Structure formats: structure tokens, C-alpha cells
Amino acid sequence: MKLELVSIIIPAYNVENYTDECLDSAFSQTYPEVEIIVVDNNSSDNTLARLNAYKKKEPSLIVLSEKKQGAPAARNKGLSVAKGNWIQFLDADDLLKPDKIQHQVKLFRENTNASFIAGACEVLAIDKNTRVKKINDFQSSWIHLTNGNLGNTCSNFFRRDLLQEISGWNEILKSSQEPELMFRLMKLNDKVIVDNIPLTTIRMREPNSGRISNDSIDNLERFIRLRFEIIKYLQENRNEFYKNNIQSLWERVGKLILRNKKRFSAKVSKEFVFNIPKDFKDDTKYLLLKKKIHRYILKFRR
């Protein structure tokens, strides 16, 4: 059987101390048919010099530059030249275990009608402690998407044809790009493979320490608004699923607002209160969420 090419796309911004180890993990894949594309995104440190030095050691490395700032633009630049049937996105400060690509290509071959693989990962904290983040494969992928627990950019594995069909990453969004990308993919095909073998290491860094897409005060609001969009889509296009999962879909949104209520505008909180379905019974804990948020809004107005 002829092996299909996999493209590993790595956006890089001010990661001079991480690039070599990241690239080593990409070049160490046991799957033999791999091309590696790294996209410098206006780095102001020695990242580009390190990449060019690495290319002397590994001439097959493709080094590109993207002037438009942001990881989505850098990933799209890599996607525009990628030749692989499968796409592995990898942030330049994260790592792949050696058999990550081989393992997930095998999963795709066994599930040819899936849109992408949602993978578990190992999270390496700043204090060097590690934890494994898995996905409950007994729940619907739509529930996981709403919960923000459908893998991540680097642990997941994608079909290039579907990424091209949805025109890749949304370069306008300043956050929530990853779930928004998966949302558009799932509107095409919501068959998602859950892979709970953690073959990706996500290395946590200090906030604003050179990441392409930095956190901002608006990120949580974007997160909530995307959940509203997902739920509305399910209500209009997958109504039977929506009716059977109303409480699960809305519970995460309500709890997130309560946990971070001081960071939200009253407008977002009111949107939740006025959009939550009337199907809930008076004695459910979800209606209590609604009442708590409503009390918060009244307090906010005083």
C-alpha cells in the first residue's frame, strides 16, 4: 500500500529557544512520508536564523514567512503550499511523540468517513508537572465542542480536502479560532474520531511570552458567543439532537458565565438569560443557573 503524505505545519513567533526541540520531534516521526513546513510570523528574536540553521541540517525543511500577524494566518500560509493528504498543525513550543502521525493515519484508514481526529494530550505545566487531558468518548462530539473539550490544534489531525473546503483558519478572529475551525468542519461532516492516547505534549508558557495569538480581555466573550452560534445551528439543523441535549448544551455556557461573571459584560449575561430555552422545568439546576445570572445582572445595574 502506497503511503499518503502528511504535512506538518508549524507557525513560529519569537520561539528561538523552542524551535530545535519542536523540529526534532517532527523529524523523529516513525511515519516515513512527512513534509515539514515552518512559517515565521514576524519574529523579532533569532527564530528565523535558528530555522535557517536547522534547514542546513535538514534540507527538506520548508521555511516560509507570513507578514500578516497571527497563528491562523501563518497556518493558512503553510496550508497553501502543503501537499499532504493529512495535516498536522504543531505550535513551535509543543512536541509530538515519535509515533503520533503513524498512529493517527492508521485511525483515519480504519474510519475513512471521519472529518478529523480529536486527540488527547499531555500538558506540561510551567512547574514541569504533567497531566493528561482526555476526551470522554461516550459523549457526542457536539457536546464536547460546546464544552471546549474536543482536543486541540496540535493533538488533533485533519483532512486537507475538508480544510480547503472551509477555506482554512479564520484569520479575523483574535481567539476561539480552534473551536470555530472545528465547528465549520463539523457542519460539513460531524463524524469525529476520538483518540485518547496522548501523543502530543503541550508546553505551557508564561502569559504573553511570545505567543502569536495572545490572550485578551475579550476572549471569554468570544468563547461564549461561539457557543451561542453552535447551539443555534443545532437547533435549526439538528433539532432532534438539540431537543435531546438541551440541558447539556446550555449547562456549560451558564456555568462558565457564573464562574467568570465579573469578567463579562451585562450584555452577554443577558443574552444567556434571554436565549436559554423555556423547556427547562422550574425545579432543574439549569433554571437555577438562569436565576443566579439574572440576579447578577440586577446587581450589575445598581
C-alpha atoms as a PDB file:
ATOM      1  CA  MET A   1       0.000   0.000   0.000  1.00  0.00           C
ATOM      2  CA  LYS A   2       1.348   3.403  -1.009  1.00  0.00           C
ATOM      3  CA  LEU A   3       1.723   5.676   1.994  1.00  0.00           C
ATOM      4  CA  GLU A   4      -0.048   9.025   1.821  1.00  0.00           C
ATOM      5  CA  LEU A   5       1.900  12.186   2.535  1.00  0.00           C
ATOM      6  CA  VAL A   6       1.345  14.060   5.801  1.00  0.00           C
ATOM      7  CA  SER A   7       2.141  17.779   6.077  1.00  0.00           C
ATOM      8  CA  ILE A   8       3.252  19.115   9.468  1.00  0.00           C
ATOM      9  CA  ILE A   9       2.621  22.880   9.602  1.00  0.00           C
ATOM     10  CA  ILE A  10       4.380  24.891  12.326  1.00  0.00           C
ATOM     11  CA  PRO A  11       3.729  28.624  12.897  1.00  0.00           C
ATOM     12  CA  ALA A  12       6.625  30.304  14.699  1.00  0.00           C
ATOM     13  CA  TYR A  13       6.826  33.621  16.504  1.00  0.00           C
ATOM     14  CA  ASN A  14       9.677  34.521  18.900  1.00  0.00           C
ATOM     15  CA  VAL A  15      10.416  30.902  19.833  1.00  0.00           C
ATOM     16  CA  GLU A  16      14.179  30.755  19.325  1.00  0.00           C
ATOM     17  CA  ASN A  17      14.592  28.599  22.455  1.00  0.00           C
ATOM     18  CA  TYR A  18      11.963  26.075  21.370  1.00  0.00           C
ATOM     19  CA  THR A  19      12.321  25.562  17.610  1.00  0.00           C
ATOM     20  CA  ASP A  20      15.056  22.920  17.598  1.00  0.00           C
ATOM     21  CA  GLU A  21      13.293  20.617  20.045  1.00  0.00           C
ATOM     22  CA  CYS A  22       9.975  21.075  18.262  1.00  0.00           C
ATOM     23  CA  LEU A  23      11.506  20.326  14.856  1.00  0.00           C
ATOM     24  CA  ASP A  24      13.395  17.345  16.289  1.00  0.00           C
ATOM     25  CA  SER A  25      10.052  15.877  17.377  1.00  0.00           C
ATOM     26  CA  ALA A  26       8.629  16.429  13.878  1.00  0.00           C
ATOM     27  CA  PHE A  27      11.607  14.892  12.094  1.00  0.00           C
ATOM     28  CA  SER A  28      11.603  11.935  14.517  1.00  0.00           C
ATOM     29  CA  GLN A  29       8.204  10.634  13.372  1.00  0.00           C
ATOM     30  CA  THR A  30       8.135   6.905  12.670  1.00  0.00           C
ATOM     31  CA  TYR A  31       5.740   7.539   9.767  1.00  0.00           C
ATOM     32  CA  PRO A  32       8.077   7.959   6.769  1.00  0.00           C
ATOM     33  CA  GLU A  33       6.031  10.105   4.372  1.00  0.00           C
ATOM     34  CA  VAL A  34       6.139  13.515   6.046  1.00  0.00           C
ATOM     35  CA  GLU A  35       6.856  17.041   4.841  1.00  0.00           C
ATOM     36  CA  ILE A  36       7.576  19.724   7.444  1.00  0.00           C
ATOM     37  CA  ILE A  37       6.640  23.350   6.824  1.00  0.00           C
ATOM     38  CA  VAL A  38       7.519  26.069   9.317  1.00  0.00           C
ATOM     39  CA  VAL A  39       6.177  29.615   8.925  1.00  0.00           C
ATOM     40  CA  ASP A  40       7.957  32.502  10.629  1.00  0.00           C
ATOM     41  CA  ASN A  41       5.409  35.145  11.639  1.00  0.00           C
ATOM     42  CA  ASN A  42       7.412  38.384  12.009  1.00  0.00           C
ATOM     43  CA  SER A  43       9.661  37.143  14.810  1.00  0.00           C
ATOM     44  CA  SER A  44      11.782  39.871  16.400  1.00  0.00           C
ATOM     45  CA  ASP A  45      14.243  37.481  18.062  1.00  0.00           C
ATOM     46  CA  ASN A  46      16.540  34.902  16.415  1.00  0.00           C
ATOM     47  CA  THR A  47      13.757  32.486  15.455  1.00  0.00           C
ATOM     48  CA  LEU A  48      14.230  32.866  11.690  1.00  0.00           C
ATOM     49  CA  ALA A  49      18.005  32.468  11.991  1.00  0.00           C
ATOM     50  CA  ARG A  50      17.514  29.286  14.041  1.00  0.00           C
ATOM     51  CA  LEU A  51      15.117  27.925  11.426  1.00  0.00           C
ATOM     52  CA  ASN A  52      17.545  28.618   8.590  1.00  0.00           C
ATOM     53  CA  ALA A  53      20.361  26.998  10.573  1.00  0.00           C
ATOM     54  CA  TYR A  54      18.169  23.924  11.122  1.00  0.00           C
ATOM     55  CA  LYS A  55      17.445  23.785   7.390  1.00  0.00           C
ATOM     56  CA  LYS A  56      21.165  23.356   6.728  1.00  0.00           C
ATOM     57  CA  LYS A  57      20.985  20.205   8.843  1.00  0.00           C
ATOM     58  CA  GLU A  58      17.660  19.065   7.351  1.00  0.00           C
ATOM     59  CA  PRO A  59      17.453  20.429   3.762  1.00  0.00           C
ATOM     60  CA  SER A  60      13.917  19.051   3.298  1.00  0.00           C
ATOM     61  CA  LEU A  61      12.582  21.557   5.849  1.00  0.00           C
ATOM     62  CA  ILE A  62      10.403  24.175   4.152  1.00  0.00           C
ATOM     63  CA  VAL A  63      10.856  27.626   5.740  1.00  0.00           C
ATOM     64  CA  LEU A  64       8.312  30.322   4.853  1.00  0.00           C
ATOM     65  CA  SER A  65       7.413  33.778   6.147  1.00  0.00           C
ATOM     66  CA  GLU A  66       3.981  35.334   6.709  1.00  0.00           C
ATOM     67  CA  LYS A  67       3.646  39.084   7.253  1.00  0.00           C
ATOM     68  CA  LYS A  68       0.028  39.050   8.431  1.00  0.00           C
ATOM     69  CA  GLN A  69       0.267  38.611  12.187  1.00  0.00           C
ATOM     70  CA  GLY A  70      -1.442  35.715  13.929  1.00  0.00           C
ATOM     71  CA  ALA A  71      -1.232  31.941  14.105  1.00  0.00           C
ATOM     72  CA  PRO A  72      -4.271  31.438  11.794  1.00  0.00           C
ATOM     73  CA  ALA A  73      -2.588  33.432   9.001  1.00  0.00           C
ATOM     74  CA  ALA A  74       0.676  31.536   9.479  1.00  0.00           C
ATOM     75  CA  ARG A  75      -1.131  28.177   9.432  1.00  0.00           C
ATOM     76  CA  ASN A  76      -3.037  29.163   6.290  1.00  0.00           C
ATOM     77  CA  LYS A  77       0.251  30.120   4.612  1.00  0.00           C
ATOM     78  CA  GLY A  78       1.582  26.648   5.357  1.00  0.00           C
ATOM     79  CA  LEU A  79      -1.678  25.069   4.225  1.00  0.00           C
ATOM     80  CA  SER A  80      -1.450  26.913   0.885  1.00  0.00           C
ATOM     81  CA  VAL A  81       1.745  25.046  -0.047  1.00  0.00           C
ATOM     82  CA  ALA A  82       1.095  21.745   1.758  1.00  0.00           C
ATOM     83  CA  LYS A  83       0.976  18.666  -0.461  1.00  0.00           C
ATOM     84  CA  GLY A  84      -0.103  16.126   2.146  1.00  0.00           C
ATOM     85  CA  ASN A  85      -3.498  14.426   2.238  1.00  0.00           C
ATOM     86  CA  TRP A  86      -3.399  14.779   6.032  1.00  0.00           C
ATOM     87  CA  ILE A  87      -2.491  17.875   8.041  1.00  0.00           C
ATOM     88  CA  GLN A  88      -0.783  18.003  11.427  1.00  0.00           C
ATOM     89  CA  PHE A  89      -0.650  21.503  12.938  1.00  0.00           C
ATOM     90  CA  LEU A  90       2.062  21.935  15.565  1.00  0.00           C
ATOM     91  CA  ASP A  91       2.848  25.037  17.618  1.00  0.00           C
ATOM     92  CA  ALA A  92       6.571  25.754  17.724  1.00  0.00           C
ATOM     93  CA  ASP A  93       6.788  25.343  21.501  1.00  0.00           C
ATOM     94  CA  ASP A  94       4.988  21.969  21.567  1.00  0.00           C
ATOM     95  CA  LEU A  95       6.130  18.422  20.816  1.00  0.00           C
ATOM     96  CA  LEU A  96       4.949  15.275  19.052  1.00  0.00           C
ATOM     97  CA  LYS A  97       5.689  11.796  20.352  1.00  0.00           C
ATOM     98  CA  PRO A  98       7.507   9.727  17.667  1.00  0.00           C
ATOM     99  CA  ASP A  99       4.518   7.561  16.665  1.00  0.00           C
ATOM    100  CA  LYS A 100       1.866  10.302  16.705  1.00  0.00           C
ATOM    101  CA  ILE A 101       1.480  10.581  12.928  1.00  0.00           C
ATOM    102  CA  GLN A 102       1.669   6.844  12.257  1.00  0.00           C
ATOM    103  CA  HIS A 103      -0.934   6.111  14.922  1.00  0.00           C
ATOM    104  CA  GLN A 104      -3.440   8.684  13.666  1.00  0.00           C
ATOM    105  CA  VAL A 105      -3.008   7.860   9.978  1.00  0.00           C
ATOM    106  CA  LYS A 106      -3.945   4.292  10.944  1.00  0.00           C
ATOM    107  CA  LEU A 107      -7.064   5.590  12.722  1.00  0.00           C
ATOM    108  CA  PHE A 108      -8.104   7.512   9.611  1.00  0.00           C
ATOM    109  CA  ARG A 109      -7.630   4.440   7.436  1.00  0.00           C
ATOM    110  CA  GLU A 110      -9.921   2.493   9.757  1.00  0.00           C
ATOM    111  CA  ASN A 111     -12.527   5.313   9.764  1.00  0.00           C
ATOM    112  CA  THR A 112     -12.429   6.718   6.235  1.00  0.00           C
ATOM    113  CA  ASN A 113     -15.648   8.737   6.582  1.00  0.00           C
ATOM    114  CA  ALA A 114     -14.455  10.874   9.536  1.00  0.00           C
ATOM    115  CA  SER A 115     -13.768  14.597   9.231  1.00  0.00           C
ATOM    116  CA  PHE A 116     -10.917  14.862  11.750  1.00  0.00           C
ATOM    117  CA  ILE A 117      -9.337  13.226  14.781  1.00  0.00           C
ATOM    118  CA  ALA A 118      -9.773  14.821  18.218  1.00  0.00           C
ATOM    119  CA  GLY A 119      -6.811  13.734  20.313  1.00  0.00           C
ATOM    120  CA  ALA A 120      -5.789  13.593  23.946  1.00  0.00           C
ATOM    121  CA  CYS A 121      -2.605  15.362  25.010  1.00  0.00           C
ATOM    122  CA  GLU A 122      -0.052  15.621  27.762  1.00  0.00           C
ATOM    123  CA  VAL A 123       0.093  19.091  29.319  1.00  0.00           C
ATOM    124  CA  LEU A 124       3.470  20.134  30.727  1.00  0.00           C
ATOM    125  CA  ALA A 125       2.964  22.955  33.237  1.00  0.00           C
ATOM    126  CA  ILE A 126       5.429  25.775  33.891  1.00  0.00           C
ATOM    127  CA  ASP A 127       6.473  23.990  37.112  1.00  0.00           C
ATOM    128  CA  LYS A 128       7.217  20.855  34.977  1.00  0.00           C
ATOM    129  CA  ASN A 129       4.321  18.872  36.426  1.00  0.00           C
ATOM    130  CA  THR A 130       2.370  16.964  33.793  1.00  0.00           C
ATOM    131  CA  ARG A 131      -1.248  15.944  33.413  1.00  0.00           C
ATOM    132  CA  VAL A 132      -3.086  14.093  30.669  1.00  0.00           C
ATOM    133  CA  LYS A 133      -6.137  15.707  29.111  1.00  0.00           C
ATOM    134  CA  LYS A 134      -8.505  13.110  27.627  1.00  0.00           C
ATOM    135  CA  ILE A 135     -11.894  13.185  25.902  1.00  0.00           C
ATOM    136  CA  ASN A 136     -14.944  11.302  27.110  1.00  0.00           C
ATOM    137  CA  ASP A 137     -15.646   9.208  24.008  1.00  0.00           C
ATOM    138  CA  PHE A 138     -19.120   8.266  25.282  1.00  0.00           C
ATOM    139  CA  GLN A 139     -20.435  11.782  24.683  1.00  0.00           C
ATOM    140  CA  SER A 140     -21.360  13.405  21.388  1.00  0.00           C
ATOM    141  CA  SER A 141     -18.698  15.439  19.609  1.00  0.00           C
ATOM    142  CA  TRP A 142     -21.170  18.343  19.585  1.00  0.00           C
ATOM    143  CA  ILE A 143     -21.300  18.249  23.386  1.00  0.00           C
ATOM    144  CA  HIS A 144     -17.508  18.199  23.543  1.00  0.00           C
ATOM    145  CA  LEU A 145     -17.269  21.100  21.101  1.00  0.00           C
ATOM    146  CA  THR A 146     -19.681  23.129  23.247  1.00  0.00           C
ATOM    147  CA  ASN A 147     -17.720  22.170  26.365  1.00  0.00           C
ATOM    148  CA  GLY A 148     -14.407  23.201  24.805  1.00  0.00           C
ATOM    149  CA  ASN A 149     -13.109  19.653  25.166  1.00  0.00           C
ATOM    150  CA  LEU A 150     -12.617  18.333  21.628  1.00  0.00           C
ATOM    151  CA  GLY A 151      -8.846  18.017  21.584  1.00  0.00           C
ATOM    152  CA  ASN A 152      -6.678  20.942  20.499  1.00  0.00           C
ATOM    153  CA  THR A 153      -4.826  22.284  17.491  1.00  0.00           C
ATOM    154  CA  CYS A 154      -1.732  20.131  17.964  1.00  0.00           C
ATOM    155  CA  SER A 155      -3.240  16.906  19.318  1.00  0.00           C
ATOM    156  CA  ASN A 156      -5.842  16.809  16.536  1.00  0.00           C
ATOM    157  CA  PHE A 157      -5.282  15.546  12.977  1.00  0.00           C
ATOM    158  CA  PHE A 158      -7.051  16.882   9.894  1.00  0.00           C
ATOM    159  CA  ARG A 159      -8.022  16.077   6.324  1.00  0.00           C
ATOM    160  CA  ARG A 160      -6.561  18.621   3.923  1.00  0.00           C
ATOM    161  CA  ASP A 161      -9.512  18.410   1.497  1.00  0.00           C
ATOM    162  CA  LEU A 162     -12.013  19.461   4.178  1.00  0.00           C
ATOM    163  CA  LEU A 163      -9.725  22.219   5.495  1.00  0.00           C
ATOM    164  CA  GLN A 164      -9.525  23.604   1.973  1.00  0.00           C
ATOM    165  CA  GLU A 165     -13.284  23.302   1.517  1.00  0.00           C
ATOM    166  CA  ILE A 166     -13.876  25.573   4.528  1.00  0.00           C
ATOM    167  CA  SER A 167     -11.043  27.948   3.420  1.00  0.00           C
ATOM    168  CA  GLY A 168      -8.814  27.094   6.364  1.00  0.00           C
ATOM    169  CA  TRP A 169      -8.488  29.146   9.522  1.00  0.00           C
ATOM    170  CA  ASN A 170     -10.473  32.308  10.217  1.00  0.00           C
ATOM    171  CA  GLU A 171      -7.770  34.989  10.249  1.00  0.00           C
ATOM    172  CA  ILE A 172     -10.086  37.690  11.616  1.00  0.00           C
ATOM    173  CA  LEU A 173     -10.769  36.036  14.982  1.00  0.00           C
ATOM    174  CA  LYS A 174      -8.425  37.018  17.800  1.00  0.00           C
ATOM    175  CA  SER A 175      -9.343  33.973  19.910  1.00  0.00           C
ATOM    176  CA  SER A 176     -11.507  30.823  19.804  1.00  0.00           C
ATOM    177  CA  GLN A 177     -10.022  30.078  16.353  1.00  0.00           C
ATOM    178  CA  GLU A 178      -9.614  26.384  17.152  1.00  0.00           C
ATOM    179  CA  PRO A 179     -13.246  25.555  18.150  1.00  0.00           C
ATOM    180  CA  GLU A 180     -14.510  27.824  15.357  1.00  0.00           C
ATOM    181  CA  LEU A 181     -12.472  25.818  12.810  1.00  0.00           C
ATOM    182  CA  MET A 182     -13.831  22.541  14.189  1.00  0.00           C
ATOM    183  CA  PHE A 183     -17.364  23.967  14.146  1.00  0.00           C
ATOM    184  CA  ARG A 184     -17.120  24.675  10.418  1.00  0.00           C
ATOM    185  CA  LEU A 185     -15.642  21.231   9.776  1.00  0.00           C
ATOM    186  CA  MET A 186     -18.442  19.568  11.738  1.00  0.00           C
ATOM    187  CA  LYS A 187     -21.081  21.430   9.761  1.00  0.00           C
ATOM    188  CA  LEU A 188     -19.656  19.613   6.722  1.00  0.00           C
ATOM    189  CA  ASN A 189     -19.181  16.279   8.462  1.00  0.00           C
ATOM    190  CA  ASP A 190     -19.702  15.716  12.198  1.00  0.00           C
ATOM    191  CA  LYS A 191     -18.138  12.243  12.333  1.00  0.00           C
ATOM    192  CA  VAL A 192     -15.136  12.778  14.593  1.00  0.00           C
ATOM    193  CA  ILE A 193     -12.643  10.136  15.734  1.00  0.00           C
ATOM    194  CA  VAL A 194     -11.788  10.327  19.444  1.00  0.00           C
ATOM    195  CA  ASP A 195      -8.189   9.310  20.170  1.00  0.00           C
ATOM    196  CA  ASN A 196      -7.385   9.093  23.876  1.00  0.00           C
ATOM    197  CA  ILE A 197      -3.743   8.069  23.512  1.00  0.00           C
ATOM    198  CA  PRO A 198      -1.781  11.232  24.480  1.00  0.00           C
ATOM    199  CA  LEU A 199       0.894  11.556  21.791  1.00  0.00           C
ATOM    200  CA  THR A 200       1.250  15.351  21.897  1.00  0.00           C
ATOM    201  CA  THR A 201       2.956  17.427  24.593  1.00  0.00           C
ATOM    202  CA  ILE A 202       1.583  20.927  25.143  1.00  0.00           C
ATOM    203  CA  ARG A 203       4.158  23.044  26.941  1.00  0.00           C
ATOM    204  CA  MET A 204       2.627  25.853  28.988  1.00  0.00           C
ATOM    205  CA  ARG A 205       4.414  29.202  28.945  1.00  0.00           C
ATOM    206  CA  GLU A 206       4.048  32.435  30.864  1.00  0.00           C
ATOM    207  CA  PRO A 207       1.183  34.624  29.534  1.00  0.00           C
ATOM    208  CA  ASN A 208       2.210  36.867  26.622  1.00  0.00           C
ATOM    209  CA  SER A 209       5.621  35.173  26.397  1.00  0.00           C
ATOM    210  CA  GLY A 210       5.931  35.373  22.650  1.00  0.00           C
ATOM    211  CA  ARG A 211       2.815  33.501  21.561  1.00  0.00           C
ATOM    212  CA  ILE A 212       1.409  34.502  18.185  1.00  0.00           C
ATOM    213  CA  SER A 213      -2.165  34.809  19.485  1.00  0.00           C
ATOM    214  CA  ASN A 214      -2.117  36.415  22.933  1.00  0.00           C
ATOM    215  CA  ASP A 215      -4.927  36.287  25.463  1.00  0.00           C
ATOM    216  CA  SER A 216      -7.144  39.346  25.743  1.00  0.00           C
ATOM    217  CA  ILE A 217      -9.961  40.504  27.962  1.00  0.00           C
ATOM    218  CA  ASP A 218     -12.454  39.702  25.177  1.00  0.00           C
ATOM    219  CA  ASN A 219     -11.529  36.023  24.776  1.00  0.00           C
ATOM    220  CA  LEU A 220     -14.181  34.679  27.151  1.00  0.00           C
ATOM    221  CA  GLU A 221     -16.895  36.672  25.447  1.00  0.00           C
ATOM    222  CA  ARG A 222     -15.842  35.272  22.060  1.00  0.00           C
ATOM    223  CA  PHE A 223     -15.902  31.807  23.613  1.00  0.00           C
ATOM    224  CA  ILE A 224     -19.481  32.338  24.825  1.00  0.00           C
ATOM    225  CA  ARG A 225     -20.727  33.867  21.572  1.00  0.00           C
ATOM    226  CA  LEU A 226     -19.362  30.927  19.582  1.00  0.00           C
ATOM    227  CA  ARG A 227     -21.307  28.586  21.886  1.00  0.00           C
ATOM    228  CA  PHE A 228     -24.456  30.564  21.120  1.00  0.00           C
ATOM    229  CA  GLU A 229     -23.749  30.043  17.401  1.00  0.00           C
ATOM    230  CA  ILE A 230     -23.188  26.293  17.840  1.00  0.00           C
ATOM    231  CA  ILE A 231     -26.397  25.853  19.827  1.00  0.00           C
ATOM    232  CA  LYS A 232     -28.404  27.914  17.323  1.00  0.00           C
ATOM    233  CA  TYR A 233     -27.021  25.808  14.459  1.00  0.00           C
ATOM    234  CA  LEU A 234     -28.029  22.578  16.210  1.00  0.00           C
ATOM    235  CA  GLN A 235     -31.488  23.935  16.956  1.00  0.00           C
ATOM    236  CA  GLU A 236     -32.031  24.858  13.300  1.00  0.00           C
ATOM    237  CA  ASN A 237     -30.278  21.930  11.599  1.00  0.00           C
ATOM    238  CA  ARG A 238     -30.140  19.050  14.084  1.00  0.00           C
ATOM    239  CA  ASN A 239     -33.305  19.694  16.038  1.00  0.00           C
ATOM    240  CA  GLU A 240     -33.786  16.139  17.322  1.00  0.00           C
ATOM    241  CA  PHE A 241     -30.261  16.113  18.720  1.00  0.00           C
ATOM    242  CA  TYR A 242     -30.815  19.593  20.134  1.00  0.00           C
ATOM    243  CA  LYS A 243     -34.069  18.621  21.879  1.00  0.00           C
ATOM    244  CA  ASN A 244     -32.437  15.562  23.452  1.00  0.00           C
ATOM    245  CA  ASN A 245     -29.423  17.525  24.691  1.00  0.00           C
ATOM    246  CA  ILE A 246     -30.784  20.964  25.618  1.00  0.00           C
ATOM    247  CA  GLN A 247     -29.592  20.830  29.196  1.00  0.00           C
ATOM    248  CA  SER A 248     -26.108  19.503  28.382  1.00  0.00           C
ATOM    249  CA  LEU A 249     -25.608  22.131  25.691  1.00  0.00           C
ATOM    250  CA  TRP A 250     -26.655  25.066  27.891  1.00  0.00           C
ATOM    251  CA  GLU A 251     -25.161  23.896  31.185  1.00  0.00           C
ATOM    252  CA  ARG A 252     -21.572  24.627  30.168  1.00  0.00           C
ATOM    253  CA  VAL A 253     -22.450  28.127  28.970  1.00  0.00           C
ATOM    254  CA  GLY A 254     -24.255  29.002  32.192  1.00  0.00           C
ATOM    255  CA  LYS A 255     -21.549  27.654  34.468  1.00  0.00           C
ATOM    256  CA  LEU A 256     -18.847  29.472  32.522  1.00  0.00           C
ATOM    257  CA  ILE A 257     -20.696  32.778  32.863  1.00  0.00           C
ATOM    258  CA  LEU A 258     -21.204  32.258  36.605  1.00  0.00           C
ATOM    259  CA  ARG A 259     -17.575  31.314  37.173  1.00  0.00           C
ATOM    260  CA  ASN A 260     -16.329  34.387  35.301  1.00  0.00           C
ATOM    261  CA  LYS A 261     -19.263  36.759  35.792  1.00  0.00           C
ATOM    262  CA  LYS A 262     -17.130  39.716  36.828  1.00  0.00           C
ATOM    263  CA  ARG A 263     -15.270  39.493  33.520  1.00  0.00           C
ATOM    264  CA  PHE A 264     -18.396  39.529  31.371  1.00  0.00           C
ATOM    265  CA  SER A 265     -20.440  42.496  30.294  1.00  0.00           C
ATOM    266  CA  ALA A 266     -24.056  42.545  31.428  1.00  0.00           C
ATOM    267  CA  LYS A 267     -24.979  42.308  27.739  1.00  0.00           C
ATOM    268  CA  VAL A 268     -23.511  38.806  27.390  1.00  0.00           C
ATOM    269  CA  SER A 269     -25.132  37.654  30.613  1.00  0.00           C
ATOM    270  CA  LYS A 270     -28.493  38.995  29.451  1.00  0.00           C
ATOM    271  CA  GLU A 271     -28.075  37.179  26.134  1.00  0.00           C
ATOM    272  CA  PHE A 272     -27.755  33.944  28.071  1.00  0.00           C
ATOM    273  CA  VAL A 273     -30.826  34.659  30.211  1.00  0.00           C
ATOM    274  CA  PHE A 274     -32.989  35.631  27.240  1.00  0.00           C
ATOM    275  CA  ASN A 275     -31.789  32.787  24.989  1.00  0.00           C
ATOM    276  CA  ILE A 276     -31.975  29.866  27.393  1.00  0.00           C
ATOM    277  CA  PRO A 277     -34.907  27.660  26.306  1.00  0.00           C
ATOM    278  CA  LYS A 278     -38.245  27.608  28.084  1.00  0.00           C
ATOM    279  CA  ASP A 279     -38.163  23.803  28.021  1.00  0.00           C
ATOM    280  CA  PHE A 280     -36.487  23.639  31.413  1.00  0.00           C
ATOM    281  CA  LYS A 281     -38.677  22.774  34.352  1.00  0.00           C
ATOM    282  CA  ASP A 282     -38.803  25.075  37.337  1.00  0.00           C
ATOM    283  CA  ASP A 283     -37.019  22.607  39.594  1.00  0.00           C
ATOM    284  CA  THR A 284     -33.974  21.971  37.375  1.00  0.00           C
ATOM    285  CA  LYS A 285     -30.497  23.144  38.324  1.00  0.00           C
ATOM    286  CA  TYR A 286     -30.274  24.823  34.929  1.00  0.00           C
ATOM    287  CA  LEU A 287     -33.087  27.199  35.744  1.00  0.00           C
ATOM    288  CA  LEU A 288     -31.245  27.981  38.969  1.00  0.00           C
ATOM    289  CA  LEU A 289     -28.264  28.955  36.831  1.00  0.00           C
ATOM    290  CA  LYS A 290     -30.523  31.299  34.902  1.00  0.00           C
ATOM    291  CA  LYS A 291     -31.867  32.860  38.115  1.00  0.00           C
ATOM    292  CA  LYS A 292     -28.379  33.340  39.561  1.00  0.00           C
ATOM    293  CA  ILE A 293     -27.225  35.091  36.421  1.00  0.00           C
ATOM    294  CA  HIS A 294     -30.359  37.223  36.385  1.00  0.00           C
ATOM    295  CA  ARG A 295     -29.631  38.296  39.984  1.00  0.00           C
ATOM    296  CA  TYR A 296     -26.100  39.186  38.895  1.00  0.00           C
ATOM    297  CA  ILE A 297     -27.455  41.395  36.097  1.00  0.00           C
ATOM    298  CA  LEU A 298     -29.738  43.247  38.509  1.00  0.00           C
ATOM    299  CA  LYS A 299     -26.812  43.773  40.868  1.00  0.00           C
ATOM    300  CA  PHE A 300     -24.657  44.936  37.968  1.00  0.00           C
ATOM    301  CA  ARG A 301     -27.198  47.638  37.077  1.00  0.00           C
ATOM    302  CA  ARG A 302     -27.198  49.220  40.536  1.00  0.00           C
END
